[in-house]
């Protein structure tokens, strides 16, 4: 039914909260 938020939005939220960029596999 259209476009939904992807995993990148969650990654961004965690990055903002902890201040560390993740290693992306």
PDBML (XML) file of the C-alpha atoms, coordinates in Angstrom:
<?xml version="1.0" encoding="UTF-8" ?>
<PDBx:datablock datablockName="MODEL"
   xmlns:PDBx="http://pdbml.pdb.org/schema/pdbx-v50.xsd"
   xmlns:xsi="http://www.w3.org/2001/XMLSchema-instance"
   xsi:schemaLocation="http://pdbml.pdb.org/schema/pdbx-v50.xsd pdbx-v50.xsd">
   <PDBx:atom_siteCategory>
      <PDBx:atom_site id="1">
         <PDBx:B_iso_or_equiv>0.00</PDBx:B_iso_or_equiv>
         <PDBx:Cartn_x>0.000</PDBx:Cartn_x>
         <PDBx:Cartn_y>0.000</PDBx:Cartn_y>
         <PDBx:Cartn_z>0.000</PDBx:Cartn_z>
         <PDBx:auth_asym_id>A</PDBx:auth_asym_id>
         <PDBx:auth_atom_id>CA</PDBx:auth_atom_id>
         <PDBx:auth_comp_id>UNK</PDBx:auth_comp_id>
         <PDBx:auth_seq_id>1</PDBx:auth_seq_id>
         <PDBx:group_PDB>ATOM</PDBx:group_PDB>
         <PDBx:label_alt_id xsi:nil="true" />
         <PDBx:label_asym_id>A</PDBx:label_asym_id>
         <PDBx:label_atom_id>CA</PDBx:label_atom_id>
         <PDBx:label_comp_id>UNK</PDBx:label_comp_id>
         <PDBx:label_entity_id>1</PDBx:label_entity_id>
         <PDBx:label_seq_id>1</PDBx:label_seq_id>
         <PDBx:occupancy>1.00</PDBx:occupancy>
         <PDBx:pdbx_PDB_model_num>1</PDBx:pdbx_PDB_model_num>
         <PDBx:type_symbol>C</PDBx:type_symbol>
      </PDBx:atom_site>
      <PDBx:atom_site id="2">
         <PDBx:B_iso_or_equiv>0.00</PDBx:B_iso_or_equiv>
         <PDBx:Cartn_x>2.890</PDBx:Cartn_x>
         <PDBx:Cartn_y>2.387</PDBx:Cartn_y>
         <PDBx:Cartn_z>-0.601</PDBx:Cartn_z>
         <PDBx:auth_asym_id>A</PDBx:auth_asym_id>
         <PDBx:auth_atom_id>CA</PDBx:auth_atom_id>
         <PDBx:auth_comp_id>UNK</PDBx:auth_comp_id>
         <PDBx:auth_seq_id>2</PDBx:auth_seq_id>
         <PDBx:group_PDB>ATOM</PDBx:group_PDB>
         <PDBx:label_alt_id xsi:nil="true" />
         <PDBx:label_asym_id>A</PDBx:label_asym_id>
         <PDBx:label_atom_id>CA</PDBx:label_atom_id>
         <PDBx:label_comp_id>UNK</PDBx:label_comp_id>
         <PDBx:label_entity_id>1</PDBx:label_entity_id>
         <PDBx:label_seq_id>2</PDBx:label_seq_id>
         <PDBx:occupancy>1.00</PDBx:occupancy>
         <PDBx:pdbx_PDB_model_num>1</PDBx:pdbx_PDB_model_num>
         <PDBx:type_symbol>C</PDBx:type_symbol>
      </PDBx:atom_site>
      <PDBx:atom_site id="3">
         <PDBx:B_iso_or_equiv>0.00</PDBx:B_iso_or_equiv>
         <PDBx:Cartn_x>6.186</PDBx:Cartn_x>
         <PDBx:Cartn_y>3.256</PDBx:Cartn_y>
         <PDBx:Cartn_z>1.043</PDBx:Cartn_z>
         <PDBx:auth_asym_id>A</PDBx:auth_asym_id>
         <PDBx:auth_atom_id>CA</PDBx:auth_atom_id>
         <PDBx:auth_comp_id>UNK</PDBx:auth_comp_id>
         <PDBx:auth_seq_id>3</PDBx:auth_seq_id>
         <PDBx:group_PDB>ATOM</PDBx:group_PDB>
         <PDBx:label_alt_id xsi:nil="true" />
         <PDBx:label_asym_id>A</PDBx:label_asym_id>
         <PDBx:label_atom_id>CA</PDBx:label_atom_id>
         <PDBx:label_comp_id>UNK</PDBx:label_comp_id>
         <PDBx:label_entity_id>1</PDBx:label_entity_id>
         <PDBx:label_seq_id>3</PDBx:label_seq_id>
         <PDBx:occupancy>1.00</PDBx:occupancy>
         <PDBx:pdbx_PDB_model_num>1</PDBx:pdbx_PDB_model_num>
         <PDBx:type_symbol>C</PDBx:type_symbol>
      </PDBx:atom_site>
      <PDBx:atom_site id="4">
         <PDBx:B_iso_or_equiv>0.00</PDBx:B_iso_or_equiv>
         <PDBx:Cartn_x>7.008</PDBx:Cartn_x>
         <PDBx:Cartn_y>2.560</PDBx:Cartn_y>
         <PDBx:Cartn_z>4.690</PDBx:Cartn_z>
         <PDBx:auth_asym_id>A</PDBx:auth_asym_id>
         <PDBx:auth_atom_id>CA</PDBx:auth_atom_id>
         <PDBx:auth_comp_id>UNK</PDBx:auth_comp_id>
         <PDBx:auth_seq_id>4</PDBx:auth_seq_id>
         <PDBx:group_PDB>ATOM</PDBx:group_PDB>
         <PDBx:label_alt_id xsi:nil="true" />
         <PDBx:label_asym_id>A</PDBx:label_asym_id>
         <PDBx:label_atom_id>CA</PDBx:label_atom_id>
         <PDBx:label_comp_id>UNK</PDBx:label_comp_id>
         <PDBx:label_entity_id>1</PDBx:label_entity_id>
         <PDBx:label_seq_id>4</PDBx:label_seq_id>
         <PDBx:occupancy>1.00</PDBx:occupancy>
         <PDBx:pdbx_PDB_model_num>1</PDBx:pdbx_PDB_model_num>
         <PDBx:type_symbol>C</PDBx:type_symbol>
      </PDBx:atom_site>
      <PDBx:atom_site id="5">
         <PDBx:B_iso_or_equiv>0.00</PDBx:B_iso_or_equiv>
         <PDBx:Cartn_x>9.952</PDBx:Cartn_x>
         <PDBx:Cartn_y>3.575</PDBx:Cartn_y>
         <PDBx:Cartn_z>6.897</PDBx:Cartn_z>
         <PDBx:auth_asym_id>A</PDBx:auth_asym_id>
         <PDBx:auth_atom_id>CA</PDBx:auth_atom_id>
         <PDBx:auth_comp_id>UNK</PDBx:auth_comp_id>
         <PDBx:auth_seq_id>5</PDBx:auth_seq_id>
         <PDBx:group_PDB>ATOM</PDBx:group_PDB>
         <PDBx:label_alt_id xsi:nil="true" />
         <PDBx:label_asym_id>A</PDBx:label_asym_id>
         <PDBx:label_atom_id>CA</PDBx:label_atom_id>
         <PDBx:label_comp_id>UNK</PDBx:label_comp_id>
         <PDBx:label_entity_id>1</PDBx:label_entity_id>
         <PDBx:label_seq_id>5</PDBx:label_seq_id>
         <PDBx:occupancy>1.00</PDBx:occupancy>
         <PDBx:pdbx_PDB_model_num>1</PDBx:pdbx_PDB_model_num>
         <PDBx:type_symbol>C</PDBx:type_symbol>
      </PDBx:atom_site>
      <PDBx:atom_site id="6">
         <PDBx:B_iso_or_equiv>0.00</PDBx:B_iso_or_equiv>
         <PDBx:Cartn_x>12.929</PDBx:Cartn_x>
         <PDBx:Cartn_y>1.272</PDBx:Cartn_y>
         <PDBx:Cartn_z>6.460</PDBx:Cartn_z>
         <PDBx:auth_asym_id>A</PDBx:auth_asym_id>
         <PDBx:auth_atom_id>CA</PDBx:auth_atom_id>
         <PDBx:auth_comp_id>UNK</PDBx:auth_comp_id>
         <PDBx:auth_seq_id>6</PDBx:auth_seq_id>
         <PDBx:group_PDB>ATOM</PDBx:group_PDB>
         <PDBx:label_alt_id xsi:nil="true" />
         <PDBx:label_asym_id>A</PDBx:label_asym_id>
         <PDBx:label_atom_id>CA</PDBx:label_atom_id>
         <PDBx:label_comp_id>UNK</PDBx:label_comp_id>
         <PDBx:label_entity_id>1</PDBx:label_entity_id>
         <PDBx:label_seq_id>6</PDBx:label_seq_id>
         <PDBx:occupancy>1.00</PDBx:occupancy>
         <PDBx:pdbx_PDB_model_num>1</PDBx:pdbx_PDB_model_num>
         <PDBx:type_symbol>C</PDBx:type_symbol>
      </PDBx:atom_site>
      <PDBx:atom_site id="7">
         <PDBx:B_iso_or_equiv>0.00</PDBx:B_iso_or_equiv>
         <PDBx:Cartn_x>15.671</PDBx:Cartn_x>
         <PDBx:Cartn_y>0.011</PDBx:Cartn_y>
         <PDBx:Cartn_z>8.761</PDBx:Cartn_z>
         <PDBx:auth_asym_id>A</PDBx:auth_asym_id>
         <PDBx:auth_atom_id>CA</PDBx:auth_atom_id>
         <PDBx:auth_comp_id>UNK</PDBx:auth_comp_id>
         <PDBx:auth_seq_id>7</PDBx:auth_seq_id>
         <PDBx:group_PDB>ATOM</PDBx:group_PDB>
         <PDBx:label_alt_id xsi:nil="true" />
         <PDBx:label_asym_id>A</PDBx:label_asym_id>
         <PDBx:label_atom_id>CA</PDBx:label_atom_id>
         <PDBx:label_comp_id>UNK</PDBx:label_comp_id>
         <PDBx:label_entity_id>1</PDBx:label_entity_id>
         <PDBx:label_seq_id>7</PDBx:label_seq_id>
         <PDBx:occupancy>1.00</PDBx:occupancy>
         <PDBx:pdbx_PDB_model_num>1</PDBx:pdbx_PDB_model_num>
         <PDBx:type_symbol>C</PDBx:type_symbol>
      </PDBx:atom_site>
      <PDBx:atom_site id="8">
         <PDBx:B_iso_or_equiv>0.00</PDBx:B_iso_or_equiv>
         <PDBx:Cartn_x>17.711</PDBx:Cartn_x>
         <PDBx:Cartn_y>3.172</PDBx:Cartn_y>
         <PDBx:Cartn_z>8.151</PDBx:Cartn_z>
         <PDBx:auth_asym_id>A</PDBx:auth_asym_id>
         <PDBx:auth_atom_id>CA</PDBx:auth_atom_id>
         <PDBx:auth_comp_id>UNK</PDBx:auth_comp_id>
         <PDBx:auth_seq_id>8</PDBx:auth_seq_id>
         <PDBx:group_PDB>ATOM</PDBx:group_PDB>
         <PDBx:label_alt_id xsi:nil="true" />
         <PDBx:label_asym_id>A</PDBx:label_asym_id>
         <PDBx:label_atom_id>CA</PDBx:label_atom_id>
         <PDBx:label_comp_id>UNK</PDBx:label_comp_id>
         <PDBx:label_entity_id>1</PDBx:label_entity_id>
         <PDBx:label_seq_id>8</PDBx:label_seq_id>
         <PDBx:occupancy>1.00</PDBx:occupancy>
         <PDBx:pdbx_PDB_model_num>1</PDBx:pdbx_PDB_model_num>
         <PDBx:type_symbol>C</PDBx:type_symbol>
      </PDBx:atom_site>
      <PDBx:atom_site id="9">
         <PDBx:B_iso_or_equiv>0.00</PDBx:B_iso_or_equiv>
         <PDBx:Cartn_x>15.232</PDBx:Cartn_x>
         <PDBx:Cartn_y>5.185</PDBx:Cartn_y>
         <PDBx:Cartn_z>10.204</PDBx:Cartn_z>
         <PDBx:auth_asym_id>A</PDBx:auth_asym_id>
         <PDBx:auth_atom_id>CA</PDBx:auth_atom_id>
         <PDBx:auth_comp_id>UNK</PDBx:auth_comp_id>
         <PDBx:auth_seq_id>9</PDBx:auth_seq_id>
         <PDBx:group_PDB>ATOM</PDBx:group_PDB>
         <PDBx:label_alt_id xsi:nil="true" />
         <PDBx:label_asym_id>A</PDBx:label_asym_id>
         <PDBx:label_atom_id>CA</PDBx:label_atom_id>
         <PDBx:label_comp_id>UNK</PDBx:label_comp_id>
         <PDBx:label_entity_id>1</PDBx:label_entity_id>
         <PDBx:label_seq_id>9</PDBx:label_seq_id>
         <PDBx:occupancy>1.00</PDBx:occupancy>
         <PDBx:pdbx_PDB_model_num>1</PDBx:pdbx_PDB_model_num>
         <PDBx:type_symbol>C</PDBx:type_symbol>
      </PDBx:atom_site>
      <PDBx:atom_site id="10">
         <PDBx:B_iso_or_equiv>0.00</PDBx:B_iso_or_equiv>
         <PDBx:Cartn_x>15.808</PDBx:Cartn_x>
         <PDBx:Cartn_y>2.887</PDBx:Cartn_y>
         <PDBx:Cartn_z>13.178</PDBx:Cartn_z>
         <PDBx:auth_asym_id>A</PDBx:auth_asym_id>
         <PDBx:auth_atom_id>CA</PDBx:auth_atom_id>
         <PDBx:auth_comp_id>UNK</PDBx:auth_comp_id>
         <PDBx:auth_seq_id>10</PDBx:auth_seq_id>
         <PDBx:group_PDB>ATOM</PDBx:group_PDB>
         <PDBx:label_alt_id xsi:nil="true" />
         <PDBx:label_asym_id>A</PDBx:label_asym_id>
         <PDBx:label_atom_id>CA</PDBx:label_atom_id>
         <PDBx:label_comp_id>UNK</PDBx:label_comp_id>
         <PDBx:label_entity_id>1</PDBx:label_entity_id>
         <PDBx:label_seq_id>10</PDBx:label_seq_id>
         <PDBx:occupancy>1.00</PDBx:occupancy>
         <PDBx:pdbx_PDB_model_num>1</PDBx:pdbx_PDB_model_num>
         <PDBx:type_symbol>C</PDBx:type_symbol>
      </PDBx:atom_site>
      <PDBx:atom_site id="11">
         <PDBx:B_iso_or_equiv>0.00</PDBx:B_iso_or_equiv>
         <PDBx:Cartn_x>19.571</PDBx:Cartn_x>
         <PDBx:Cartn_y>2.967</PDBx:Cartn_y>
         <PDBx:Cartn_z>12.672</PDBx:Cartn_z>
         <PDBx:auth_asym_id>A</PDBx:auth_asym_id>
         <PDBx:auth_atom_id>CA</PDBx:auth_atom_id>
         <PDBx:auth_comp_id>UNK</PDBx:auth_comp_id>
         <PDBx:auth_seq_id>11</PDBx:auth_seq_id>
         <PDBx:group_PDB>ATOM</PDBx:group_PDB>
         <PDBx:label_alt_id xsi:nil="true" />
         <PDBx:label_asym_id>A</PDBx:label_asym_id>
         <PDBx:label_atom_id>CA</PDBx:label_atom_id>
         <PDBx:label_comp_id>UNK</PDBx:label_comp_id>
         <PDBx:label_entity_id>1</PDBx:label_entity_id>
         <PDBx:label_seq_id>11</PDBx:label_seq_id>
         <PDBx:occupancy>1.00</PDBx:occupancy>
         <PDBx:pdbx_PDB_model_num>1</PDBx:pdbx_PDB_model_num>
         <PDBx:type_symbol>C</PDBx:type_symbol>
      </PDBx:atom_site>
      <PDBx:atom_site id="12">
         <PDBx:B_iso_or_equiv>0.00</PDBx:B_iso_or_equiv>
         <PDBx:Cartn_x>19.418</PDBx:Cartn_x>
         <PDBx:Cartn_y>6.756</PDBx:Cartn_y>
         <PDBx:Cartn_z>12.640</PDBx:Cartn_z>
         <PDBx:auth_asym_id>A</PDBx:auth_asym_id>
         <PDBx:auth_atom_id>CA</PDBx:auth_atom_id>
         <PDBx:auth_comp_id>UNK</PDBx:auth_comp_id>
         <PDBx:auth_seq_id>12</PDBx:auth_seq_id>
         <PDBx:group_PDB>ATOM</PDBx:group_PDB>
         <PDBx:label_alt_id xsi:nil="true" />
         <PDBx:label_asym_id>A</PDBx:label_asym_id>
         <PDBx:label_atom_id>CA</PDBx:label_atom_id>
         <PDBx:label_comp_id>UNK</PDBx:label_comp_id>
         <PDBx:label_entity_id>1</PDBx:label_entity_id>
         <PDBx:label_seq_id>12</PDBx:label_seq_id>
         <PDBx:occupancy>1.00</PDBx:occupancy>
         <PDBx:pdbx_PDB_model_num>1</PDBx:pdbx_PDB_model_num>
         <PDBx:type_symbol>C</PDBx:type_symbol>
      </PDBx:atom_site>
      <PDBx:atom_site id="13">
         <PDBx:B_iso_or_equiv>0.00</PDBx:B_iso_or_equiv>
         <PDBx:Cartn_x>17.394</PDBx:Cartn_x>
         <PDBx:Cartn_y>6.842</PDBx:Cartn_y>
         <PDBx:Cartn_z>15.865</PDBx:Cartn_z>
         <PDBx:auth_asym_id>A</PDBx:auth_asym_id>
         <PDBx:auth_atom_id>CA</PDBx:auth_atom_id>
         <PDBx:auth_comp_id>UNK</PDBx:auth_comp_id>
         <PDBx:auth_seq_id>13</PDBx:auth_seq_id>
         <PDBx:group_PDB>ATOM</PDBx:group_PDB>
         <PDBx:label_alt_id xsi:nil="true" />
         <PDBx:label_asym_id>A</PDBx:label_asym_id>
         <PDBx:label_atom_id>CA</PDBx:label_atom_id>
         <PDBx:label_comp_id>UNK</PDBx:label_comp_id>
         <PDBx:label_entity_id>1</PDBx:label_entity_id>
         <PDBx:label_seq_id>13</PDBx:label_seq_id>
         <PDBx:occupancy>1.00</PDBx:occupancy>
         <PDBx:pdbx_PDB_model_num>1</PDBx:pdbx_PDB_model_num>
         <PDBx:type_symbol>C</PDBx:type_symbol>
      </PDBx:atom_site>
      <PDBx:atom_site id="14">
         <PDBx:B_iso_or_equiv>0.00</PDBx:B_iso_or_equiv>
         <PDBx:Cartn_x>19.892</PDBx:Cartn_x>
         <PDBx:Cartn_y>4.599</PDBx:Cartn_y>
         <PDBx:Cartn_z>17.675</PDBx:Cartn_z>
         <PDBx:auth_asym_id>A</PDBx:auth_asym_id>
         <PDBx:auth_atom_id>CA</PDBx:auth_atom_id>
         <PDBx:auth_comp_id>UNK</PDBx:auth_comp_id>
         <PDBx:auth_seq_id>14</PDBx:auth_seq_id>
         <PDBx:group_PDB>ATOM</PDBx:group_PDB>
         <PDBx:label_alt_id xsi:nil="true" />
         <PDBx:label_asym_id>A</PDBx:label_asym_id>
         <PDBx:label_atom_id>CA</PDBx:label_atom_id>
         <PDBx:label_comp_id>UNK</PDBx:label_comp_id>
         <PDBx:label_entity_id>1</PDBx:label_entity_id>
         <PDBx:label_seq_id>14</PDBx:label_seq_id>
         <PDBx:occupancy>1.00</PDBx:occupancy>
         <PDBx:pdbx_PDB_model_num>1</PDBx:pdbx_PDB_model_num>
         <PDBx:type_symbol>C</PDBx:type_symbol>
      </PDBx:atom_site>
      <PDBx:atom_site id="15">
         <PDBx:B_iso_or_equiv>0.00</PDBx:B_iso_or_equiv>
         <PDBx:Cartn_x>22.816</PDBx:Cartn_x>
         <PDBx:Cartn_y>6.601</PDBx:Cartn_y>
         <PDBx:Cartn_z>16.270</PDBx:Cartn_z>
         <PDBx:auth_asym_id>A</PDBx:auth_asym_id>
         <PDBx:auth_atom_id>CA</PDBx:auth_atom_id>
         <PDBx:auth_comp_id>UNK</PDBx:auth_comp_id>
         <PDBx:auth_seq_id>15</PDBx:auth_seq_id>
         <PDBx:group_PDB>ATOM</PDBx:group_PDB>
         <PDBx:label_alt_id xsi:nil="true" />
         <PDBx:label_asym_id>A</PDBx:label_asym_id>
         <PDBx:label_atom_id>CA</PDBx:label_atom_id>
         <PDBx:label_comp_id>UNK</PDBx:label_comp_id>
         <PDBx:label_entity_id>1</PDBx:label_entity_id>
         <PDBx:label_seq_id>15</PDBx:label_seq_id>
         <PDBx:occupancy>1.00</PDBx:occupancy>
         <PDBx:pdbx_PDB_model_num>1</PDBx:pdbx_PDB_model_num>
         <PDBx:type_symbol>C</PDBx:type_symbol>
      </PDBx:atom_site>
      <PDBx:atom_site id="16">
         <PDBx:B_iso_or_equiv>0.00</PDBx:B_iso_or_equiv>
         <PDBx:Cartn_x>21.238</PDBx:Cartn_x>
         <PDBx:Cartn_y>9.814</PDBx:Cartn_y>
         <PDBx:Cartn_z>17.541</PDBx:Cartn_z>
         <PDBx:auth_asym_id>A</PDBx:auth_asym_id>
         <PDBx:auth_atom_id>CA</PDBx:auth_atom_id>
         <PDBx:auth_comp_id>UNK</PDBx:auth_comp_id>
         <PDBx:auth_seq_id>16</PDBx:auth_seq_id>
         <PDBx:group_PDB>ATOM</PDBx:group_PDB>
         <PDBx:label_alt_id xsi:nil="true" />
         <PDBx:label_asym_id>A</PDBx:label_asym_id>
         <PDBx:label_atom_id>CA</PDBx:label_atom_id>
         <PDBx:label_comp_id>UNK</PDBx:label_comp_id>
         <PDBx:label_entity_id>1</PDBx:label_entity_id>
         <PDBx:label_seq_id>16</PDBx:label_seq_id>
         <PDBx:occupancy>1.00</PDBx:occupancy>
         <PDBx:pdbx_PDB_model_num>1</PDBx:pdbx_PDB_model_num>
         <PDBx:type_symbol>C</PDBx:type_symbol>
      </PDBx:atom_site>
      <PDBx:atom_site id="17">
         <PDBx:B_iso_or_equiv>0.00</PDBx:B_iso_or_equiv>
         <PDBx:Cartn_x>20.609</PDBx:Cartn_x>
         <PDBx:Cartn_y>8.288</PDBx:Cartn_y>
         <PDBx:Cartn_z>20.966</PDBx:Cartn_z>
         <PDBx:auth_asym_id>A</PDBx:auth_asym_id>
         <PDBx:auth_atom_id>CA</PDBx:auth_atom_id>
         <PDBx:auth_comp_id>UNK</PDBx:auth_comp_id>
         <PDBx:auth_seq_id>17</PDBx:auth_seq_id>
         <PDBx:group_PDB>ATOM</PDBx:group_PDB>
         <PDBx:label_alt_id xsi:nil="true" />
         <PDBx:label_asym_id>A</PDBx:label_asym_id>
         <PDBx:label_atom_id>CA</PDBx:label_atom_id>
         <PDBx:label_comp_id>UNK</PDBx:label_comp_id>
         <PDBx:label_entity_id>1</PDBx:label_entity_id>
         <PDBx:label_seq_id>17</PDBx:label_seq_id>
         <PDBx:occupancy>1.00</PDBx:occupancy>
         <PDBx:pdbx_PDB_model_num>1</PDBx:pdbx_PDB_model_num>
         <PDBx:type_symbol>C</PDBx:type_symbol>
      </PDBx:atom_site>
      <PDBx:atom_site id="18">
         <PDBx:B_iso_or_equiv>0.00</PDBx:B_iso_or_equiv>
         <PDBx:Cartn_x>24.082</PDBx:Cartn_x>
         <PDBx:Cartn_y>6.803</PDBx:Cartn_y>
         <PDBx:Cartn_z>21.516</PDBx:Cartn_z>
         <PDBx:auth_asym_id>A</PDBx:auth_asym_id>
         <PDBx:auth_atom_id>CA</PDBx:auth_atom_id>
         <PDBx:auth_comp_id>UNK</PDBx:auth_comp_id>
         <PDBx:auth_seq_id>18</PDBx:auth_seq_id>
         <PDBx:group_PDB>ATOM</PDBx:group_PDB>
         <PDBx:label_alt_id xsi:nil="true" />
         <PDBx:label_asym_id>A</PDBx:label_asym_id>
         <PDBx:label_atom_id>CA</PDBx:label_atom_id>
         <PDBx:label_comp_id>UNK</PDBx:label_comp_id>
         <PDBx:label_entity_id>1</PDBx:label_entity_id>
         <PDBx:label_seq_id>18</PDBx:label_seq_id>
         <PDBx:occupancy>1.00</PDBx:occupancy>
         <PDBx:pdbx_PDB_model_num>1</PDBx:pdbx_PDB_model_num>
         <PDBx:type_symbol>C</PDBx:type_symbol>
      </PDBx:atom_site>
      <PDBx:atom_site id="19">
         <PDBx:B_iso_or_equiv>0.00</PDBx:B_iso_or_equiv>
         <PDBx:Cartn_x>26.194</PDBx:Cartn_x>
         <PDBx:Cartn_y>9.113</PDBx:Cartn_y>
         <PDBx:Cartn_z>19.355</PDBx:Cartn_z>
         <PDBx:auth_asym_id>A</PDBx:auth_asym_id>
         <PDBx:auth_atom_id>CA</PDBx:auth_atom_id>
         <PDBx:auth_comp_id>UNK</PDBx:auth_comp_id>
         <PDBx:auth_seq_id>19</PDBx:auth_seq_id>
         <PDBx:group_PDB>ATOM</PDBx:group_PDB>
         <PDBx:label_alt_id xsi:nil="true" />
         <PDBx:label_asym_id>A</PDBx:label_asym_id>
         <PDBx:label_atom_id>CA</PDBx:label_atom_id>
         <PDBx:label_comp_id>UNK</PDBx:label_comp_id>
         <PDBx:label_entity_id>1</PDBx:label_entity_id>
         <PDBx:label_seq_id>19</PDBx:label_seq_id>
         <PDBx:occupancy>1.00</PDBx:occupancy>
         <PDBx:pdbx_PDB_model_num>1</PDBx:pdbx_PDB_model_num>
         <PDBx:type_symbol>C</PDBx:type_symbol>
      </PDBx:atom_site>
      <PDBx:atom_site id="20">
         <PDBx:B_iso_or_equiv>0.00</PDBx:B_iso_or_equiv>
         <PDBx:Cartn_x>28.018</PDBx:Cartn_x>
         <PDBx:Cartn_y>6.277</PDBx:Cartn_y>
         <PDBx:Cartn_z>17.558</PDBx:Cartn_z>
         <PDBx:auth_asym_id>A</PDBx:auth_asym_id>
         <PDBx:auth_atom_id>CA</PDBx:auth_atom_id>
         <PDBx:auth_comp_id>UNK</PDBx:auth_comp_id>
         <PDBx:auth_seq_id>20</PDBx:auth_seq_id>
         <PDBx:group_PDB>ATOM</PDBx:group_PDB>
         <PDBx:label_alt_id xsi:nil="true" />
         <PDBx:label_asym_id>A</PDBx:label_asym_id>
         <PDBx:label_atom_id>CA</PDBx:label_atom_id>
         <PDBx:label_comp_id>UNK</PDBx:label_comp_id>
         <PDBx:label_entity_id>1</PDBx:label_entity_id>
         <PDBx:label_seq_id>20</PDBx:label_seq_id>
         <PDBx:occupancy>1.00</PDBx:occupancy>
         <PDBx:pdbx_PDB_model_num>1</PDBx:pdbx_PDB_model_num>
         <PDBx:type_symbol>C</PDBx:type_symbol>
      </PDBx:atom_site>
      <PDBx:atom_site id="21">
         <PDBx:B_iso_or_equiv>0.00</PDBx:B_iso_or_equiv>
         <PDBx:Cartn_x>27.701</PDBx:Cartn_x>
         <PDBx:Cartn_y>5.242</PDBx:Cartn_y>
         <PDBx:Cartn_z>13.926</PDBx:Cartn_z>
         <PDBx:auth_asym_id>A</PDBx:auth_asym_id>
         <PDBx:auth_atom_id>CA</PDBx:auth_atom_id>
         <PDBx:auth_comp_id>UNK</PDBx:auth_comp_id>
         <PDBx:auth_seq_id>21</PDBx:auth_seq_id>
         <PDBx:group_PDB>ATOM</PDBx:group_PDB>
         <PDBx:label_alt_id xsi:nil="true" />
         <PDBx:label_asym_id>A</PDBx:label_asym_id>
         <PDBx:label_atom_id>CA</PDBx:label_atom_id>
         <PDBx:label_comp_id>UNK</PDBx:label_comp_id>
         <PDBx:label_entity_id>1</PDBx:label_entity_id>
         <PDBx:label_seq_id>21</PDBx:label_seq_id>
         <PDBx:occupancy>1.00</PDBx:occupancy>
         <PDBx:pdbx_PDB_model_num>1</PDBx:pdbx_PDB_model_num>
         <PDBx:type_symbol>C</PDBx:type_symbol>
      </PDBx:atom_site>
      <PDBx:atom_site id="22">
         <PDBx:B_iso_or_equiv>0.00</PDBx:B_iso_or_equiv>
         <PDBx:Cartn_x>27.213</PDBx:Cartn_x>
         <PDBx:Cartn_y>1.492</PDBx:Cartn_y>
         <PDBx:Cartn_z>13.462</PDBx:Cartn_z>
         <PDBx:auth_asym_id>A</PDBx:auth_asym_id>
         <PDBx:auth_atom_id>CA</PDBx:auth_atom_id>
         <PDBx:auth_comp_id>UNK</PDBx:auth_comp_id>
         <PDBx:auth_seq_id>22</PDBx:auth_seq_id>
         <PDBx:group_PDB>ATOM</PDBx:group_PDB>
         <PDBx:label_alt_id xsi:nil="true" />
         <PDBx:label_asym_id>A</PDBx:label_asym_id>
         <PDBx:label_atom_id>CA</PDBx:label_atom_id>
         <PDBx:label_comp_id>UNK</PDBx:label_comp_id>
         <PDBx:label_entity_id>1</PDBx:label_entity_id>
         <PDBx:label_seq_id>22</PDBx:label_seq_id>
         <PDBx:occupancy>1.00</PDBx:occupancy>
         <PDBx:pdbx_PDB_model_num>1</PDBx:pdbx_PDB_model_num>
         <PDBx:type_symbol>C</PDBx:type_symbol>
      </PDBx:atom_site>
      <PDBx:atom_site id="23">
         <PDBx:B_iso_or_equiv>0.00</PDBx:B_iso_or_equiv>
         <PDBx:Cartn_x>29.225</PDBx:Cartn_x>
         <PDBx:Cartn_y>-0.850</PDBx:Cartn_y>
         <PDBx:Cartn_z>11.290</PDBx:Cartn_z>
         <PDBx:auth_asym_id>A</PDBx:auth_asym_id>
         <PDBx:auth_atom_id>CA</PDBx:auth_atom_id>
         <PDBx:auth_comp_id>UNK</PDBx:auth_comp_id>
         <PDBx:auth_seq_id>23</PDBx:auth_seq_id>
         <PDBx:group_PDB>ATOM</PDBx:group_PDB>
         <PDBx:label_alt_id xsi:nil="true" />
         <PDBx:label_asym_id>A</PDBx:label_asym_id>
         <PDBx:label_atom_id>CA</PDBx:label_atom_id>
         <PDBx:label_comp_id>UNK</PDBx:label_comp_id>
         <PDBx:label_entity_id>1</PDBx:label_entity_id>
         <PDBx:label_seq_id>23</PDBx:label_seq_id>
         <PDBx:occupancy>1.00</PDBx:occupancy>
         <PDBx:pdbx_PDB_model_num>1</PDBx:pdbx_PDB_model_num>
         <PDBx:type_symbol>C</PDBx:type_symbol>
      </PDBx:atom_site>
      <PDBx:atom_site id="24">
         <PDBx:B_iso_or_equiv>0.00</PDBx:B_iso_or_equiv>
         <PDBx:Cartn_x>26.899</PDBx:Cartn_x>
         <PDBx:Cartn_y>-1.686</PDBx:Cartn_y>
         <PDBx:Cartn_z>8.392</PDBx:Cartn_z>
         <PDBx:auth_asym_id>A</PDBx:auth_asym_id>
         <PDBx:auth_atom_id>CA</PDBx:auth_atom_id>
         <PDBx:auth_comp_id>UNK</PDBx:auth_comp_id>
         <PDBx:auth_seq_id>24</PDBx:auth_seq_id>
         <PDBx:group_PDB>ATOM</PDBx:group_PDB>
         <PDBx:label_alt_id xsi:nil="true" />
         <PDBx:label_asym_id>A</PDBx:label_asym_id>
         <PDBx:label_atom_id>CA</PDBx:label_atom_id>
         <PDBx:label_comp_id>UNK</PDBx:label_comp_id>
         <PDBx:label_entity_id>1</PDBx:label_entity_id>
         <PDBx:label_seq_id>24</PDBx:label_seq_id>
         <PDBx:occupancy>1.00</PDBx:occupancy>
         <PDBx:pdbx_PDB_model_num>1</PDBx:pdbx_PDB_model_num>
         <PDBx:type_symbol>C</PDBx:type_symbol>
      </PDBx:atom_site>
      <PDBx:atom_site id="25">
         <PDBx:B_iso_or_equiv>0.00</PDBx:B_iso_or_equiv>
         <PDBx:Cartn_x>27.065</PDBx:Cartn_x>
         <PDBx:Cartn_y>-5.304</PDBx:Cartn_y>
         <PDBx:Cartn_z>7.251</PDBx:Cartn_z>
         <PDBx:auth_asym_id>A</PDBx:auth_asym_id>
         <PDBx:auth_atom_id>CA</PDBx:auth_atom_id>
         <PDBx:auth_comp_id>UNK</PDBx:auth_comp_id>
         <PDBx:auth_seq_id>25</PDBx:auth_seq_id>
         <PDBx:group_PDB>ATOM</PDBx:group_PDB>
         <PDBx:label_alt_id xsi:nil="true" />
         <PDBx:label_asym_id>A</PDBx:label_asym_id>
         <PDBx:label_atom_id>CA</PDBx:label_atom_id>
         <PDBx:label_comp_id>UNK</PDBx:label_comp_id>
         <PDBx:label_entity_id>1</PDBx:label_entity_id>
         <PDBx:label_seq_id>25</PDBx:label_seq_id>
         <PDBx:occupancy>1.00</PDBx:occupancy>
         <PDBx:pdbx_PDB_model_num>1</PDBx:pdbx_PDB_model_num>
         <PDBx:type_symbol>C</PDBx:type_symbol>
      </PDBx:atom_site>
   </PDBx:atom_siteCategory>
</PDBx:datablock>
